[in-house]
């Protein structure tokens, strides 16, 4: 029973995290400089209070599942962790660039941060495929 509770909390944290990261990516890549300060200011508050907590929940519940129920000997889990570390780093870069863009609306982030949407979506597809199929 406890396994399913932890797994549910892990999945809910993931949903909130990915939704927040996709919003960040949209604002970073698509919002014109004229309206950036207000939009980014609101989004940064949401990011700090919701998305960052969801990231922490994702890591806590994911590690709990890995340590308590799955084990680290699974090969698919190593690749999944690598992708999760990539997404965590991207979230940090998104937050840093939103802070910079709020201070200077004409500033454009590097290509890696601007390409956040496809990076997030491909990573999520791979993570889900690895977790469900467990290919090795």
N, C-alpha and C. Protein backbone atom coordinates (compact mmCIF):
# COMPACT_ATOMS: atom_id res chain seq x y z
N UNK A 1 0.81 -1.20 0.00
CA UNK A 1 0.00 0.00 0.00
C UNK A 1 0.85 1.26 0.00
N UNK A 2 1.89 1.27 0.84
CA UNK A 2 2.75 2.46 0.93
C UNK A 2 3.45 2.73 -0.40
N UNK A 3 3.82 1.68 -1.11
CA UNK A 3 4.46 1.84 -2.42
C UNK A 3 3.58 2.66 -3.36
N UNK A 4 2.27 2.36 -3.38
CA UNK A 4 1.37 3.06 -4.29
C UNK A 4 1.15 4.51 -3.87
N UNK A 5 1.18 4.79 -2.58
CA UNK A 5 1.05 6.17 -2.10
C UNK A 5 2.27 6.98 -2.54
N UNK A 6 3.46 6.43 -2.34
CA UNK A 6 4.69 7.13 -2.73
C UNK A 6 4.74 7.30 -4.24
N UNK A 7 4.37 6.28 -4.97
CA UNK A 7 4.37 6.36 -6.43
C UNK A 7 3.39 7.43 -6.91
N UNK A 8 2.22 7.51 -6.29
CA UNK A 8 1.24 8.54 -6.65
C UNK A 8 1.77 9.93 -6.36
N UNK A 9 2.40 10.12 -5.21
CA UNK A 9 2.99 11.42 -4.87
C UNK A 9 4.10 11.79 -5.85
N UNK A 10 4.88 10.79 -6.25
CA UNK A 10 5.94 11.02 -7.22
C UNK A 10 5.35 11.47 -8.56
N UNK A 11 4.31 10.78 -9.02
CA UNK A 11 3.68 11.14 -10.29
C UNK A 11 3.02 12.51 -10.24
N UNK A 12 2.33 12.82 -9.14
CA UNK A 12 1.70 14.14 -9.03
C UNK A 12 2.75 15.25 -9.02
N UNK A 13 3.84 15.03 -8.32
CA UNK A 13 4.92 16.02 -8.32
C UNK A 13 5.47 16.20 -9.73
N UNK A 14 5.61 15.10 -10.45
CA UNK A 14 6.10 15.17 -11.83
C UNK A 14 5.17 15.99 -12.72
N UNK A 15 3.86 15.76 -12.61
CA UNK A 15 2.90 16.50 -13.44
C UNK A 15 3.01 18.00 -13.20
N UNK A 16 3.07 18.39 -11.93
CA UNK A 16 3.16 19.82 -11.60
C UNK A 16 4.50 20.39 -12.08
N UNK A 17 5.58 19.64 -11.88
CA UNK A 17 6.90 20.09 -12.32
C UNK A 17 6.95 20.30 -13.83
N UNK A 18 6.51 19.34 -14.60
CA UNK A 18 6.59 19.44 -16.06
C UNK A 18 5.69 20.56 -16.55
N UNK A 19 4.51 20.71 -15.97
CA UNK A 19 3.64 21.83 -16.34
C UNK A 19 4.30 23.17 -16.09
N UNK A 20 4.92 23.32 -14.94
CA UNK A 20 5.62 24.57 -14.62
C UNK A 20 6.81 24.82 -15.53
N UNK A 21 7.56 23.77 -15.82
CA UNK A 21 8.72 23.94 -16.70
C UNK A 21 8.29 24.30 -18.12
N UNK A 22 7.17 23.72 -18.58
CA UNK A 22 6.67 24.07 -19.92
C UNK A 22 6.19 25.52 -19.96
N UNK A 23 5.56 25.99 -18.87
CA UNK A 23 5.17 27.41 -18.81
C UNK A 23 6.41 28.30 -18.85
N UNK A 24 7.44 27.94 -18.09
CA UNK A 24 8.69 28.70 -18.11
C UNK A 24 9.25 28.75 -19.53
N UNK A 25 9.30 27.61 -20.19
CA UNK A 25 9.86 27.54 -21.54
C UNK A 25 9.06 28.40 -22.50
N UNK A 26 7.74 28.38 -22.38
CA UNK A 26 6.90 29.20 -23.26
C UNK A 26 7.19 30.68 -23.06
N UNK A 27 7.23 31.11 -21.81
CA UNK A 27 7.46 32.53 -21.53
C UNK A 27 8.85 32.95 -21.98
N UNK A 28 9.85 32.13 -21.71
CA UNK A 28 11.22 32.47 -22.10
C UNK A 28 11.35 32.57 -23.61
N UNK A 29 10.73 31.64 -24.32
CA UNK A 29 10.90 31.60 -25.77
C UNK A 29 9.93 32.43 -26.58
N UNK A 30 8.75 32.74 -26.04
CA UNK A 30 7.71 33.31 -26.88
C UNK A 30 7.22 34.71 -26.48
N UNK A 31 7.40 35.12 -25.25
CA UNK A 31 6.85 36.41 -24.82
C UNK A 31 7.74 37.54 -25.32
N UNK A 32 7.14 38.54 -26.00
CA UNK A 32 7.94 39.65 -26.53
C UNK A 32 8.51 40.53 -25.42
N UNK A 33 9.64 41.17 -25.69
CA UNK A 33 10.31 41.99 -24.66
C UNK A 33 9.43 43.08 -24.06
N UNK A 34 8.46 43.59 -24.81
CA UNK A 34 7.64 44.70 -24.31
C UNK A 34 6.82 44.31 -23.08
N UNK A 35 6.40 43.06 -22.98
CA UNK A 35 5.57 42.66 -21.83
C UNK A 35 6.27 41.68 -20.90
N UNK A 36 7.55 41.42 -21.13
CA UNK A 36 8.27 40.44 -20.32
C UNK A 36 8.29 40.74 -18.82
N UNK A 37 8.59 41.99 -18.40
CA UNK A 37 8.76 42.20 -16.95
C UNK A 37 7.55 41.76 -16.11
N UNK A 38 6.35 42.13 -16.51
CA UNK A 38 5.17 41.76 -15.73
C UNK A 38 4.88 40.27 -15.77
N UNK A 39 4.99 39.69 -16.96
CA UNK A 39 4.72 38.26 -17.11
C UNK A 39 5.76 37.45 -16.36
N UNK A 40 7.00 37.79 -16.50
CA UNK A 40 8.07 37.04 -15.84
C UNK A 40 8.00 37.20 -14.32
N UNK A 41 7.64 38.39 -13.86
CA UNK A 41 7.52 38.60 -12.42
C UNK A 41 6.47 37.67 -11.82
N UNK A 42 5.32 37.56 -12.47
CA UNK A 42 4.27 36.66 -11.98
C UNK A 42 4.70 35.21 -12.07
N UNK A 43 5.31 34.84 -13.18
CA UNK A 43 5.74 33.45 -13.37
C UNK A 43 6.83 33.07 -12.39
N UNK A 44 7.72 33.98 -12.07
CA UNK A 44 8.80 33.66 -11.12
C UNK A 44 8.24 33.34 -9.74
N UNK A 45 7.21 34.07 -9.32
CA UNK A 45 6.57 33.77 -8.03
C UNK A 45 5.98 32.35 -8.06
N UNK A 46 5.28 32.03 -9.13
CA UNK A 46 4.70 30.69 -9.28
C UNK A 46 5.81 29.64 -9.30
N UNK A 47 6.88 29.92 -10.03
CA UNK A 47 7.97 28.97 -10.15
C UNK A 47 8.60 28.67 -8.79
N UNK A 48 8.82 29.73 -8.00
CA UNK A 48 9.44 29.53 -6.69
C UNK A 48 8.53 28.80 -5.71
N UNK A 49 7.22 29.08 -5.77
CA UNK A 49 6.33 28.51 -4.77
C UNK A 49 5.72 27.16 -5.17
N UNK A 50 5.59 26.89 -6.46
CA UNK A 50 4.94 25.66 -6.89
C UNK A 50 5.90 24.72 -7.62
N UNK A 51 6.52 25.22 -8.68
CA UNK A 51 7.34 24.35 -9.52
C UNK A 51 8.58 23.84 -8.77
N UNK A 52 9.22 24.70 -8.00
CA UNK A 52 10.41 24.28 -7.27
C UNK A 52 10.06 23.26 -6.19
N UNK A 53 8.92 23.43 -5.53
CA UNK A 53 8.48 22.46 -4.53
C UNK A 53 8.15 21.13 -5.22
N UNK A 54 7.55 21.20 -6.41
CA UNK A 54 7.27 19.97 -7.16
C UNK A 54 8.56 19.27 -7.56
N UNK A 55 9.60 20.04 -7.90
CA UNK A 55 10.90 19.45 -8.22
C UNK A 55 11.46 18.72 -7.00
N UNK A 56 11.36 19.34 -5.85
CA UNK A 56 11.83 18.69 -4.61
C UNK A 56 11.03 17.42 -4.34
N UNK A 57 9.71 17.49 -4.51
CA UNK A 57 8.88 16.30 -4.31
C UNK A 57 9.22 15.19 -5.28
N UNK A 58 9.48 15.56 -6.52
CA UNK A 58 9.86 14.57 -7.52
C UNK A 58 11.12 13.83 -7.10
N UNK A 59 12.13 14.58 -6.66
CA UNK A 59 13.38 13.97 -6.23
C UNK A 59 13.19 13.13 -4.96
N UNK A 60 12.49 13.67 -3.97
CA UNK A 60 12.32 12.95 -2.70
C UNK A 60 11.57 11.65 -2.91
N UNK A 61 10.42 11.72 -3.57
CA UNK A 61 9.62 10.51 -3.75
C UNK A 61 10.27 9.55 -4.75
N UNK A 62 10.95 10.08 -5.76
CA UNK A 62 11.66 9.22 -6.71
C UNK A 62 12.80 8.46 -6.06
N UNK A 63 13.59 9.16 -5.24
CA UNK A 63 14.68 8.48 -4.54
C UNK A 63 14.14 7.47 -3.53
N UNK A 64 13.05 7.82 -2.87
CA UNK A 64 12.41 6.91 -1.93
C UNK A 64 12.00 5.62 -2.64
N UNK A 65 11.40 5.76 -3.82
CA UNK A 65 11.02 4.58 -4.59
C UNK A 65 12.24 3.78 -5.02
N UNK A 66 13.28 4.49 -5.49
CA UNK A 66 14.47 3.80 -5.98
C UNK A 66 15.20 3.07 -4.85
N UNK A 67 15.33 3.71 -3.72
CA UNK A 67 16.06 3.10 -2.61
C UNK A 67 15.23 2.01 -1.94
N UNK A 68 13.95 2.28 -1.73
CA UNK A 68 13.13 1.35 -0.97
C UNK A 68 12.53 0.21 -1.75
N UNK A 69 12.31 0.39 -3.05
CA UNK A 69 11.54 -0.61 -3.77
C UNK A 69 12.20 -1.14 -5.04
N UNK A 70 12.97 -0.32 -5.74
CA UNK A 70 13.49 -0.73 -7.05
C UNK A 70 14.94 -1.19 -6.94
N UNK A 71 15.77 -0.40 -6.30
CA UNK A 71 17.20 -0.70 -6.24
C UNK A 71 17.94 -0.01 -7.37
N UNK A 72 19.22 0.23 -7.16
CA UNK A 72 20.01 0.96 -8.15
C UNK A 72 20.71 0.07 -9.16
N UNK A 73 20.41 -1.21 -9.14
CA UNK A 73 21.09 -2.12 -10.07
C UNK A 73 20.44 -2.14 -11.45
N UNK A 74 19.27 -1.54 -11.58
CA UNK A 74 18.55 -1.53 -12.85
C UNK A 74 19.21 -0.54 -13.82
N UNK A 75 19.53 -0.99 -15.03
CA UNK A 75 20.18 -0.14 -16.02
C UNK A 75 19.31 1.00 -16.51
N UNK A 76 18.02 0.74 -16.68
CA UNK A 76 17.10 1.79 -17.15
C UNK A 76 17.03 2.94 -16.15
N UNK A 77 17.18 2.62 -14.86
CA UNK A 77 17.09 3.65 -13.83
C UNK A 77 18.26 4.64 -13.92
N UNK A 78 19.42 4.17 -14.32
CA UNK A 78 20.59 5.05 -14.47
C UNK A 78 20.34 6.08 -15.56
N UNK A 79 19.77 5.64 -16.67
CA UNK A 79 19.48 6.57 -17.77
C UNK A 79 18.37 7.53 -17.35
N UNK A 80 17.38 7.02 -16.63
CA UNK A 80 16.30 7.88 -16.15
C UNK A 80 16.87 8.96 -15.22
N UNK A 81 17.76 8.59 -14.32
CA UNK A 81 18.38 9.57 -13.43
C UNK A 81 19.15 10.63 -14.22
N UNK A 82 19.85 10.20 -15.24
CA UNK A 82 20.59 11.15 -16.07
C UNK A 82 19.63 12.17 -16.71
N UNK A 83 18.50 11.70 -17.21
CA UNK A 83 17.52 12.61 -17.81
C UNK A 83 16.89 13.52 -16.76
N UNK A 84 16.65 13.00 -15.57
CA UNK A 84 16.08 13.82 -14.50
C UNK A 84 17.08 14.90 -14.07
N UNK A 85 18.35 14.56 -14.03
CA UNK A 85 19.38 15.55 -13.71
C UNK A 85 19.41 16.63 -14.79
N UNK A 86 19.29 16.25 -16.05
CA UNK A 86 19.21 17.22 -17.15
C UNK A 86 18.02 18.16 -16.97
N UNK A 87 16.85 17.61 -16.64
CA UNK A 87 15.67 18.45 -16.43
C UNK A 87 15.84 19.36 -15.21
N UNK A 88 16.45 18.86 -14.15
CA UNK A 88 16.69 19.68 -12.97
C UNK A 88 17.63 20.84 -13.29
N UNK A 89 18.66 20.56 -14.06
CA UNK A 89 19.58 21.62 -14.48
C UNK A 89 18.88 22.64 -15.37
N UNK A 90 18.04 22.16 -16.28
CA UNK A 90 17.29 23.07 -17.15
C UNK A 90 16.36 23.95 -16.33
N UNK A 91 15.73 23.40 -15.30
CA UNK A 91 14.87 24.21 -14.44
C UNK A 91 15.67 25.31 -13.75
N UNK A 92 16.85 24.97 -13.27
CA UNK A 92 17.71 25.98 -12.66
C UNK A 92 18.11 27.06 -13.65
N UNK A 93 18.43 26.66 -14.87
CA UNK A 93 18.80 27.64 -15.90
C UNK A 93 17.61 28.51 -16.29
N UNK A 94 16.41 27.92 -16.33
CA UNK A 94 15.22 28.70 -16.63
C UNK A 94 15.01 29.77 -15.56
N UNK A 95 15.13 29.39 -14.30
CA UNK A 95 14.96 30.35 -13.21
C UNK A 95 15.98 31.47 -13.27
N UNK A 96 17.23 31.12 -13.55
CA UNK A 96 18.28 32.14 -13.64
C UNK A 96 18.03 33.09 -14.79
N UNK A 97 17.63 32.56 -15.94
CA UNK A 97 17.40 33.43 -17.10
C UNK A 97 16.14 34.26 -16.95
N UNK A 98 15.13 33.74 -16.26
CA UNK A 98 13.94 34.57 -16.01
C UNK A 98 14.30 35.73 -15.09
N UNK A 99 15.15 35.49 -14.11
CA UNK A 99 15.60 36.57 -13.24
C UNK A 99 16.35 37.64 -14.04
N UNK A 100 17.24 37.19 -14.92
CA UNK A 100 17.99 38.14 -15.75
C UNK A 100 17.09 38.89 -16.72
N UNK A 101 16.13 38.17 -17.32
CA UNK A 101 15.24 38.80 -18.29
C UNK A 101 14.26 39.76 -17.62
N UNK A 102 13.94 39.51 -16.37
CA UNK A 102 13.09 40.45 -15.64
C UNK A 102 13.83 41.77 -15.41
N UNK A 103 15.12 41.67 -15.13
CA UNK A 103 15.93 42.87 -14.92
C UNK A 103 16.22 43.60 -16.23
N UNK A 104 16.44 42.86 -17.32
CA UNK A 104 16.73 43.44 -18.63
C UNK A 104 15.86 42.75 -19.68
N UNK A 105 14.67 43.31 -19.99
CA UNK A 105 13.73 42.66 -20.90
C UNK A 105 14.26 42.40 -22.31
N UNK A 106 15.27 43.12 -22.74
CA UNK A 106 15.80 42.93 -24.09
C UNK A 106 16.79 41.77 -24.18
N UNK A 107 17.15 41.22 -23.05
CA UNK A 107 18.12 40.12 -22.99
C UNK A 107 17.49 38.83 -23.51
N UNK A 108 18.21 38.12 -24.36
CA UNK A 108 17.74 36.84 -24.87
C UNK A 108 18.61 35.71 -24.30
N UNK A 109 17.98 34.62 -23.87
CA UNK A 109 18.74 33.51 -23.30
C UNK A 109 19.45 32.70 -24.38
N UNK A 110 20.38 31.83 -23.98
CA UNK A 110 21.07 30.97 -24.95
C UNK A 110 20.11 29.95 -25.57
N UNK A 111 20.55 29.33 -26.63
CA UNK A 111 19.71 28.41 -27.41
C UNK A 111 19.21 27.24 -26.56
N UNK A 112 20.04 26.72 -25.66
CA UNK A 112 19.64 25.57 -24.84
C UNK A 112 18.42 25.91 -24.00
N UNK A 113 18.38 27.11 -23.44
CA UNK A 113 17.26 27.53 -22.61
C UNK A 113 16.04 27.85 -23.48
N UNK A 114 16.26 28.48 -24.63
CA UNK A 114 15.15 28.79 -25.54
C UNK A 114 14.52 27.53 -26.10
N UNK A 115 15.28 26.47 -26.24
CA UNK A 115 14.77 25.20 -26.77
C UNK A 115 14.21 24.32 -25.66
N UNK A 116 13.74 24.93 -24.60
CA UNK A 116 13.28 24.17 -23.44
C UNK A 116 12.11 23.24 -23.72
N UNK A 117 11.14 23.69 -24.52
CA UNK A 117 9.95 22.86 -24.75
C UNK A 117 10.29 21.50 -25.37
N UNK A 118 11.00 21.46 -26.50
CA UNK A 118 11.30 20.13 -27.05
C UNK A 118 12.20 19.29 -26.14
N UNK A 119 13.12 19.93 -25.42
CA UNK A 119 13.99 19.18 -24.51
C UNK A 119 13.15 18.55 -23.40
N UNK A 120 12.23 19.32 -22.85
CA UNK A 120 11.37 18.81 -21.77
C UNK A 120 10.49 17.67 -22.28
N UNK A 121 9.85 17.88 -23.41
CA UNK A 121 8.92 16.89 -23.92
C UNK A 121 9.61 15.58 -24.32
N UNK A 122 10.74 15.68 -24.99
CA UNK A 122 11.47 14.46 -25.37
C UNK A 122 11.98 13.74 -24.12
N UNK A 123 12.47 14.49 -23.15
CA UNK A 123 12.96 13.87 -21.91
C UNK A 123 11.83 13.15 -21.18
N UNK A 124 10.66 13.77 -21.11
CA UNK A 124 9.54 13.14 -20.42
C UNK A 124 9.11 11.86 -21.14
N UNK A 125 9.06 11.90 -22.46
CA UNK A 125 8.70 10.70 -23.22
C UNK A 125 9.70 9.57 -22.94
N UNK A 126 10.98 9.90 -22.95
CA UNK A 126 12.00 8.88 -22.68
C UNK A 126 11.92 8.36 -21.25
N UNK A 127 11.70 9.25 -20.29
CA UNK A 127 11.61 8.84 -18.89
C UNK A 127 10.42 7.90 -18.68
N UNK A 128 9.27 8.27 -19.24
CA UNK A 128 8.09 7.43 -19.09
C UNK A 128 8.31 6.07 -19.78
N UNK A 129 8.89 6.10 -20.97
CA UNK A 129 9.15 4.84 -21.69
C UNK A 129 10.10 3.95 -20.88
N UNK A 130 11.14 4.53 -20.32
CA UNK A 130 12.07 3.74 -19.51
C UNK A 130 11.40 3.16 -18.27
N UNK A 131 10.58 3.96 -17.61
CA UNK A 131 9.93 3.51 -16.37
C UNK A 131 8.87 2.44 -16.64
N UNK A 132 8.20 2.51 -17.76
CA UNK A 132 7.13 1.55 -18.05
C UNK A 132 7.69 0.28 -18.69
N UNK A 133 8.56 0.44 -19.70
CA UNK A 133 9.06 -0.71 -20.45
C UNK A 133 10.20 -1.42 -19.70
N UNK A 134 11.03 -0.65 -18.99
CA UNK A 134 12.20 -1.20 -18.27
C UNK A 134 13.02 -2.09 -19.22
N UNK A 135 13.57 -1.49 -20.29
CA UNK A 135 14.18 -2.29 -21.36
C UNK A 135 15.43 -3.07 -20.95
N UNK A 136 16.12 -2.65 -19.91
CA UNK A 136 17.32 -3.40 -19.50
C UNK A 136 17.59 -3.16 -18.04
